[in-house]
PDB file of all heavy atoms in Angstrom:
ATOM      1  N   LEU A   1     -39.034  -4.357  -4.720  1.00  0.00           N
ATOM      2  CA  LEU A   1     -40.118  -3.502  -5.186  1.00  0.00           C
ATOM      3  C   LEU A   1     -41.454  -4.241  -5.198  1.00  0.00           C
ATOM      4  O   LEU A   1     -42.495  -3.659  -4.926  1.00  0.00           O
ATOM      5  CB  LEU A   1     -39.815  -2.987  -6.590  1.00  0.00           C
ATOM      6  CG  LEU A   1     -38.912  -1.771  -6.701  1.00  0.00           C
ATOM      7  CD1 LEU A   1     -38.540  -1.506  -8.149  1.00  0.00           C
ATOM      8  CD2 LEU A   1     -39.595  -0.547  -6.098  1.00  0.00           C
ATOM      9  N   ILE A   2     -41.411  -5.524  -5.522  1.00  0.00           N
ATOM     10  CA  ILE A   2     -42.644  -6.305  -5.598  1.00  0.00           C
ATOM     11  C   ILE A   2     -43.072  -6.805  -4.225  1.00  0.00           C
ATOM     12  O   ILE A   2     -44.253  -6.764  -3.883  1.00  0.00           O
ATOM     13  CB  ILE A   2     -42.448  -7.497  -6.564  1.00  0.00           C
ATOM     14  CG1 ILE A   2     -42.195  -6.993  -7.992  1.00  0.00           C
ATOM     15  CG2 ILE A   2     -43.669  -8.425  -6.536  1.00  0.00           C
ATOM     16  CD1 ILE A   2     -41.694  -8.073  -8.932  1.00  0.00           C
ATOM     17  N   SER A   3     -42.121  -7.236  -3.414  1.00  0.00           N
ATOM     18  CA  SER A   3     -42.445  -7.928  -2.167  1.00  0.00           C
ATOM     19  C   SER A   3     -42.336  -7.064  -0.921  1.00  0.00           C
ATOM     20  O   SER A   3     -42.888  -7.429   0.125  1.00  0.00           O
ATOM     21  CB  SER A   3     -41.530  -9.147  -1.999  1.00  0.00           C
ATOM     22  OG  SER A   3     -41.675 -10.043  -3.070  1.00  0.00           O
ATOM     23  N   GLY A   4     -41.605  -5.960  -0.979  1.00  0.00           N
ATOM     24  CA  GLY A   4     -41.441  -5.132   0.206  1.00  0.00           C
ATOM     25  C   GLY A   4     -40.769  -5.886   1.334  1.00  0.00           C
ATOM     26  O   GLY A   4     -39.766  -6.576   1.139  1.00  0.00           O
ATOM     27  N   GLU A   5     -41.336  -5.798   2.536  1.00  0.00           N
ATOM     28  CA  GLU A   5     -40.728  -6.423   3.715  1.00  0.00           C
ATOM     29  C   GLU A   5     -40.694  -7.942   3.627  1.00  0.00           C
ATOM     30  O   GLU A   5     -39.906  -8.576   4.330  1.00  0.00           O
ATOM     31  CB  GLU A   5     -41.483  -5.993   4.968  1.00  0.00           C
ATOM     32  CG  GLU A   5     -41.353  -4.512   5.288  1.00  0.00           C
ATOM     33  CD  GLU A   5     -42.075  -4.128   6.554  1.00  0.00           C
ATOM     34  OE1 GLU A   5     -42.688  -5.026   7.178  1.00  0.00           O
ATOM     35  OE2 GLU A   5     -42.033  -2.948   6.931  1.00  0.00           O
ATOM     36  N   ARG A   6     -41.497  -8.528   2.773  1.00  0.00           N
ATOM     37  CA  ARG A   6     -41.477  -9.987   2.610  1.00  0.00           C
ATOM     38  C   ARG A   6     -40.170 -10.474   1.995  1.00  0.00           C
ATOM     39  O   ARG A   6     -39.890 -11.678   2.019  1.00  0.00           O
ATOM     40  CB  ARG A   6     -42.659 -10.440   1.745  1.00  0.00           C
ATOM     41  CG  ARG A   6     -44.033 -10.103   2.318  1.00  0.00           C
ATOM     42  CD  ARG A   6     -45.146 -10.762   1.537  1.00  0.00           C
ATOM     43  NE  ARG A   6     -45.124 -10.422   0.119  1.00  0.00           N
ATOM     44  CZ  ARG A   6     -45.658  -9.314  -0.402  1.00  0.00           C
ATOM     45  NH1 ARG A   6     -46.215  -8.413   0.396  1.00  0.00           N
ATOM     46  NH2 ARG A   6     -45.612  -9.072  -1.699  1.00  0.00           N
ATOM     47  N   ALA A   7     -39.367  -9.557   1.461  1.00  0.00           N
ATOM     48  CA  ALA A   7     -38.102  -9.942   0.835  1.00  0.00           C
ATOM     49  C   ALA A   7     -36.948 -10.010   1.821  1.00  0.00           C
ATOM     50  O   ALA A   7     -35.826 -10.361   1.438  1.00  0.00           O
ATOM     51  CB  ALA A   7     -37.759  -8.958  -0.280  1.00  0.00           C
ATOM     52  N   VAL A   8     -37.191  -9.714   3.096  1.00  0.00           N
ATOM     53  CA  VAL A   8     -36.106  -9.633   4.080  1.00  0.00           C
ATOM     54  C   VAL A   8     -35.330 -10.945   4.168  1.00  0.00           C
ATOM     55  O   VAL A   8     -34.101 -10.964   4.198  1.00  0.00           O
ATOM     56  CB  VAL A   8     -36.652  -9.224   5.456  1.00  0.00           C
ATOM     57  CG1 VAL A   8     -35.582  -9.405   6.534  1.00  0.00           C
ATOM     58  CG2 VAL A   8     -37.121  -7.774   5.429  1.00  0.00           C
ATOM     59  N   GLY A   9     -36.017 -12.057   4.240  1.00  0.00           N
ATOM     60  CA  GLY A   9     -35.345 -13.353   4.335  1.00  0.00           C
ATOM     61  C   GLY A   9     -34.464 -13.627   3.133  1.00  0.00           C
ATOM     62  O   GLY A   9     -33.337 -14.134   3.281  1.00  0.00           O
ATOM     63  N   LEU A  10     -34.941 -13.295   1.945  1.00  0.00           N
ATOM     64  CA  LEU A  10     -34.157 -13.516   0.732  1.00  0.00           C
ATOM     65  C   LEU A  10     -32.937 -12.601   0.716  1.00  0.00           C
ATOM     66  O   LEU A  10     -31.840 -13.018   0.324  1.00  0.00           O
ATOM     67  CB  LEU A  10     -35.022 -13.259  -0.501  1.00  0.00           C
ATOM     68  CG  LEU A  10     -34.432 -13.689  -1.851  1.00  0.00           C
ATOM     69  CD1 LEU A  10     -34.221 -15.195  -1.877  1.00  0.00           C
ATOM     70  CD2 LEU A  10     -35.344 -13.258  -2.988  1.00  0.00           C
ATOM     71  N   LEU A  11     -33.108 -11.369   1.153  1.00  0.00           N
ATOM     72  CA  LEU A  11     -31.969 -10.454   1.243  1.00  0.00           C
ATOM     73  C   LEU A  11     -30.872 -11.027   2.135  1.00  0.00           C
ATOM     74  O   LEU A  11     -29.686 -11.014   1.777  1.00  0.00           O
ATOM     75  CB  LEU A  11     -32.427  -9.101   1.780  1.00  0.00           C
ATOM     76  CG  LEU A  11     -33.252  -8.217   0.839  1.00  0.00           C
ATOM     77  CD1 LEU A  11     -33.906  -7.080   1.615  1.00  0.00           C
ATOM     78  CD2 LEU A  11     -32.377  -7.655  -0.282  1.00  0.00           C
ATOM     79  N   LYS A  12     -31.263 -11.551   3.286  1.00  0.00           N
ATOM     80  CA  LYS A  12     -30.270 -12.139   4.195  1.00  0.00           C
ATOM     81  C   LYS A  12     -29.563 -13.316   3.545  1.00  0.00           C
ATOM     82  O   LYS A  12     -28.358 -13.511   3.731  1.00  0.00           O
ATOM     83  CB  LYS A  12     -30.950 -12.571   5.488  1.00  0.00           C
ATOM     84  CG  LYS A  12     -31.413 -11.409   6.365  1.00  0.00           C
ATOM     85  CD  LYS A  12     -32.051 -11.915   7.652  1.00  0.00           C
ATOM     86  CE  LYS A  12     -32.467 -10.762   8.544  1.00  0.00           C
ATOM     87  NZ  LYS A  12     -33.115 -11.232   9.805  1.00  0.00           N
ATOM     88  N   GLY A  13     -30.298 -14.108   2.781  1.00  0.00           N
ATOM     89  CA  GLY A  13     -29.696 -15.257   2.122  1.00  0.00           C
ATOM     90  C   GLY A  13     -28.628 -14.881   1.121  1.00  0.00           C
ATOM     91  O   GLY A  13     -27.723 -15.676   0.837  1.00  0.00           O
ATOM     92  N   TYR A  14     -28.720 -13.673   0.573  1.00  0.00           N
ATOM     93  CA  TYR A  14     -27.728 -13.191  -0.387  1.00  0.00           C
ATOM     94  C   TYR A  14     -26.759 -12.199   0.243  1.00  0.00           C
ATOM     95  O   TYR A  14     -26.017 -11.523  -0.482  1.00  0.00           O
ATOM     96  CB  TYR A  14     -28.424 -12.547  -1.586  1.00  0.00           C
ATOM     97  CG  TYR A  14     -28.985 -13.540  -2.581  1.00  0.00           C
ATOM     98  CD1 TYR A  14     -30.352 -13.806  -2.629  1.00  0.00           C
ATOM     99  CD2 TYR A  14     -28.156 -14.220  -3.471  1.00  0.00           C
ATOM    100  CE1 TYR A  14     -30.875 -14.706  -3.547  1.00  0.00           C
ATOM    101  CE2 TYR A  14     -28.672 -15.123  -4.392  1.00  0.00           C
ATOM    102  CZ  TYR A  14     -30.031 -15.355  -4.418  1.00  0.00           C
ATOM    103  OH  TYR A  14     -30.544 -16.255  -5.340  1.00  0.00           O
ATOM    104  N   ALA A  15     -26.760 -12.087   1.573  1.00  0.00           N
ATOM    105  CA  ALA A  15     -25.907 -11.124   2.287  1.00  0.00           C
ATOM    106  C   ALA A  15     -26.126  -9.718   1.761  1.00  0.00           C
ATOM    107  O   ALA A  15     -25.171  -8.949   1.552  1.00  0.00           O
ATOM    108  CB  ALA A  15     -24.441 -11.522   2.180  1.00  0.00           C
ATOM    109  N   ALA A  16     -27.387  -9.371   1.531  1.00  0.00           N
ATOM    110  CA  ALA A  16     -27.752  -8.088   0.945  1.00  0.00           C
ATOM    111  C   ALA A  16     -28.589  -7.271   1.918  1.00  0.00           C
ATOM    112  O   ALA A  16     -29.170  -7.805   2.875  1.00  0.00           O
ATOM    113  CB  ALA A  16     -28.518  -8.303  -0.357  1.00  0.00           C
ATOM    114  N   SER A  17     -28.667  -5.983   1.675  1.00  0.00           N
ATOM    115  CA  SER A  17     -29.481  -5.083   2.479  1.00  0.00           C
ATOM    116  C   SER A  17     -30.181  -4.115   1.539  1.00  0.00           C
ATOM    117  O   SER A  17     -29.786  -3.953   0.377  1.00  0.00           O
ATOM    118  CB  SER A  17     -28.616  -4.319   3.489  1.00  0.00           C
ATOM    119  OG  SER A  17     -27.575  -3.627   2.822  1.00  0.00           O
ATOM    120  N   ALA A  18     -31.231  -3.438   2.038  1.00  0.00           N
ATOM    121  CA  ALA A  18     -32.045  -2.656   1.120  1.00  0.00           C
ATOM    122  C   ALA A  18     -32.652  -1.419   1.754  1.00  0.00           C
ATOM    123  O   ALA A  18     -32.837  -1.341   2.977  1.00  0.00           O
ATOM    124  CB  ALA A  18     -33.169  -3.530   0.550  1.00  0.00           C
ATOM    125  N   LEU A  19     -32.957  -0.475   0.886  1.00  0.00           N
ATOM    126  CA  LEU A  19     -33.778   0.699   1.187  1.00  0.00           C
ATOM    127  C   LEU A  19     -34.919   0.694   0.195  1.00  0.00           C
ATOM    128  O   LEU A  19     -34.703   0.479  -1.004  1.00  0.00           O
ATOM    129  CB  LEU A  19     -32.949   1.972   1.057  1.00  0.00           C
ATOM    130  CG  LEU A  19     -33.663   3.327   1.179  1.00  0.00           C
ATOM    131  CD1 LEU A  19     -32.694   4.378   1.749  1.00  0.00           C
ATOM    132  CD2 LEU A  19     -34.188   3.824  -0.175  1.00  0.00           C
ATOM    133  N   VAL A  20     -36.139   0.929   0.661  1.00  0.00           N
ATOM    134  CA  VAL A  20     -37.290   0.965  -0.234  1.00  0.00           C
ATOM    135  C   VAL A  20     -38.158   2.158   0.116  1.00  0.00           C
ATOM    136  O   VAL A  20     -38.330   2.501   1.293  1.00  0.00           O
ATOM    137  CB  VAL A  20     -38.094  -0.357  -0.177  1.00  0.00           C
ATOM    138  CG1 VAL A  20     -38.640  -0.623   1.226  1.00  0.00           C
ATOM    139  CG2 VAL A  20     -39.222  -0.364  -1.204  1.00  0.00           C
ATOM    140  N   VAL A  21     -38.686   2.810  -0.912  1.00  0.00           N
ATOM    141  CA  VAL A  21     -39.524   3.995  -0.748  1.00  0.00           C
ATOM    142  C   VAL A  21     -40.931   3.647  -1.228  1.00  0.00           C
ATOM    143  O   VAL A  21     -41.119   3.201  -2.368  1.00  0.00           O
ATOM    144  CB  VAL A  21     -38.980   5.185  -1.560  1.00  0.00           C
ATOM    145  CG1 VAL A  21     -39.860   6.420  -1.352  1.00  0.00           C
ATOM    146  CG2 VAL A  21     -37.539   5.477  -1.173  1.00  0.00           C
ATOM    147  N   SER A  22     -41.913   3.847  -0.364  1.00  0.00           N
ATOM    148  CA  SER A  22     -43.287   3.555  -0.748  1.00  0.00           C
ATOM    149  C   SER A  22     -43.804   4.629  -1.695  1.00  0.00           C
ATOM    150  O   SER A  22     -43.223   5.714  -1.828  1.00  0.00           O
ATOM    151  CB  SER A  22     -44.182   3.488   0.491  1.00  0.00           C
ATOM    152  OG  SER A  22     -44.419   4.792   1.003  1.00  0.00           O
ATOM    153  N   ALA A  23     -44.924   4.347  -2.342  1.00  0.00           N
ATOM    154  CA  ALA A  23     -45.538   5.321  -3.240  1.00  0.00           C
ATOM    155  C   ALA A  23     -45.930   6.589  -2.497  1.00  0.00           C
ATOM    156  O   ALA A  23     -45.970   7.678  -3.082  1.00  0.00           O
ATOM    157  CB  ALA A  23     -46.756   4.701  -3.924  1.00  0.00           C
ATOM    158  N   ALA A  24     -46.194   6.473  -1.198  1.00  0.00           N
ATOM    159  CA  ALA A  24     -46.564   7.634  -0.382  1.00  0.00           C
ATOM    160  C   ALA A  24     -45.347   8.396   0.125  1.00  0.00           C
ATOM    161  O   ALA A  24     -45.487   9.452   0.746  1.00  0.00           O
ATOM    162  CB  ALA A  24     -47.419   7.184   0.799  1.00  0.00           C
ATOM    163  N   GLY A  25     -44.145   7.861  -0.105  1.00  0.00           N
ATOM    164  CA  GLY A  25     -42.926   8.547   0.315  1.00  0.00           C
ATOM    165  C   GLY A  25     -42.300   8.034   1.590  1.00  0.00           C
ATOM    166  O   GLY A  25     -41.269   8.571   2.025  1.00  0.00           O
ATOM    167  N   ASP A  26     -42.864   6.997   2.209  1.00  0.00           N
ATOM    168  CA  ASP A  26     -42.254   6.430   3.416  1.00  0.00           C
ATOM    169  C   ASP A  26     -40.995   5.649   3.041  1.00  0.00           C
ATOM    170  O   ASP A  26     -40.976   4.908   2.056  1.00  0.00           O
ATOM    171  CB  ASP A  26     -43.245   5.499   4.124  1.00  0.00           C
ATOM    172  CG  ASP A  26     -44.493   6.229   4.589  1.00  0.00           C
ATOM    173  OD1 ASP A  26     -44.349   7.377   5.055  1.00  0.00           O
ATOM    174  OD2 ASP A  26     -45.596   5.666   4.473  1.00  0.00           O
ATOM    175  N   VAL A  27     -39.955   5.818   3.836  1.00  0.00           N
ATOM    176  CA  VAL A  27     -38.675   5.160   3.580  1.00  0.00           C
ATOM    177  C   VAL A  27     -38.455   4.060   4.610  1.00  0.00           C
ATOM    178  O   VAL A  27     -38.567   4.289   5.819  1.00  0.00           O
ATOM    179  CB  VAL A  27     -37.510   6.169   3.642  1.00  0.00           C
ATOM    180  CG1 VAL A  27     -36.174   5.463   3.409  1.00  0.00           C
ATOM    181  CG2 VAL A  27     -37.718   7.276   2.611  1.00  0.00           C
ATOM    182  N   HIS A  28     -38.148   2.863   4.121  1.00  0.00           N
ATOM    183  CA  HIS A  28     -37.877   1.721   4.998  1.00  0.00           C
ATOM    184  C   HIS A  28     -36.486   1.194   4.663  1.00  0.00           C
ATOM    185  O   HIS A  28     -36.125   1.064   3.492  1.00  0.00           O
ATOM    186  CB  HIS A  28     -38.912   0.617   4.792  1.00  0.00           C
ATOM    187  CG  HIS A  28     -40.328   1.072   4.957  1.00  0.00           C
ATOM    188  ND1 HIS A  28     -40.960   1.110   6.179  1.00  0.00           N
ATOM    189  CD2 HIS A  28     -41.217   1.536   4.042  1.00  0.00           C
ATOM    190  CE1 HIS A  28     -42.194   1.557   6.023  1.00  0.00           C
ATOM    191  NE2 HIS A  28     -42.375   1.824   4.745  1.00  0.00           N
ATOM    192  N   ILE A  29     -35.689   0.883   5.698  1.00  0.00           N
ATOM    193  CA  ILE A  29     -34.356   0.329   5.488  1.00  0.00           C
ATOM    194  C   ILE A  29     -34.175  -0.905   6.345  1.00  0.00           C
ATOM    195  O   ILE A  29     -34.772  -1.036   7.411  1.00  0.00           O
ATOM    196  CB  ILE A  29     -33.249   1.352   5.801  1.00  0.00           C
ATOM    197  CG1 ILE A  29     -33.331   1.829   7.263  1.00  0.00           C
ATOM    198  CG2 ILE A  29     -33.301   2.533   4.850  1.00  0.00           C
ATOM    199  CD1 ILE A  29     -32.204   2.778   7.646  1.00  0.00           C
ATOM    200  N   THR A  30     -33.353  -1.824   5.871  1.00  0.00           N
ATOM    201  CA  THR A  30     -33.018  -2.999   6.666  1.00  0.00           C
ATOM    202  C   THR A  30     -31.984  -2.599   7.715  1.00  0.00           C
ATOM    203  O   THR A  30     -31.277  -1.596   7.559  1.00  0.00           O
ATOM    204  CB  THR A  30     -32.469  -4.122   5.780  1.00  0.00           C
ATOM    205  OG1 THR A  30     -31.349  -3.623   5.043  1.00  0.00           O
ATOM    206  CG2 THR A  30     -33.534  -4.622   4.807  1.00  0.00           C
ATOM    207  N   PRO A  31     -31.859  -3.370   8.798  1.00  0.00           N
ATOM    208  CA  PRO A  31     -30.963  -2.973   9.896  1.00  0.00           C
ATOM    209  C   PRO A  31     -29.524  -2.724   9.462  1.00  0.00           C
ATOM    210  O   PRO A  31     -28.837  -1.884  10.043  1.00  0.00           O
ATOM    211  CB  PRO A  31     -31.072  -4.153  10.860  1.00  0.00           C
ATOM    212  CG  PRO A  31     -32.426  -4.736  10.609  1.00  0.00           C
ATOM    213  CD  PRO A  31     -32.648  -4.577   9.141  1.00  0.00           C
TER     214      PRO A  31
END
């Protein structure tokens, strides 16, 4: 929520994946 796409590397380090919704309603997901 704080870092957005900048968190991708950390997610990979924890074997995690994510979906995030922007305040404008755009949806972003990791591969």
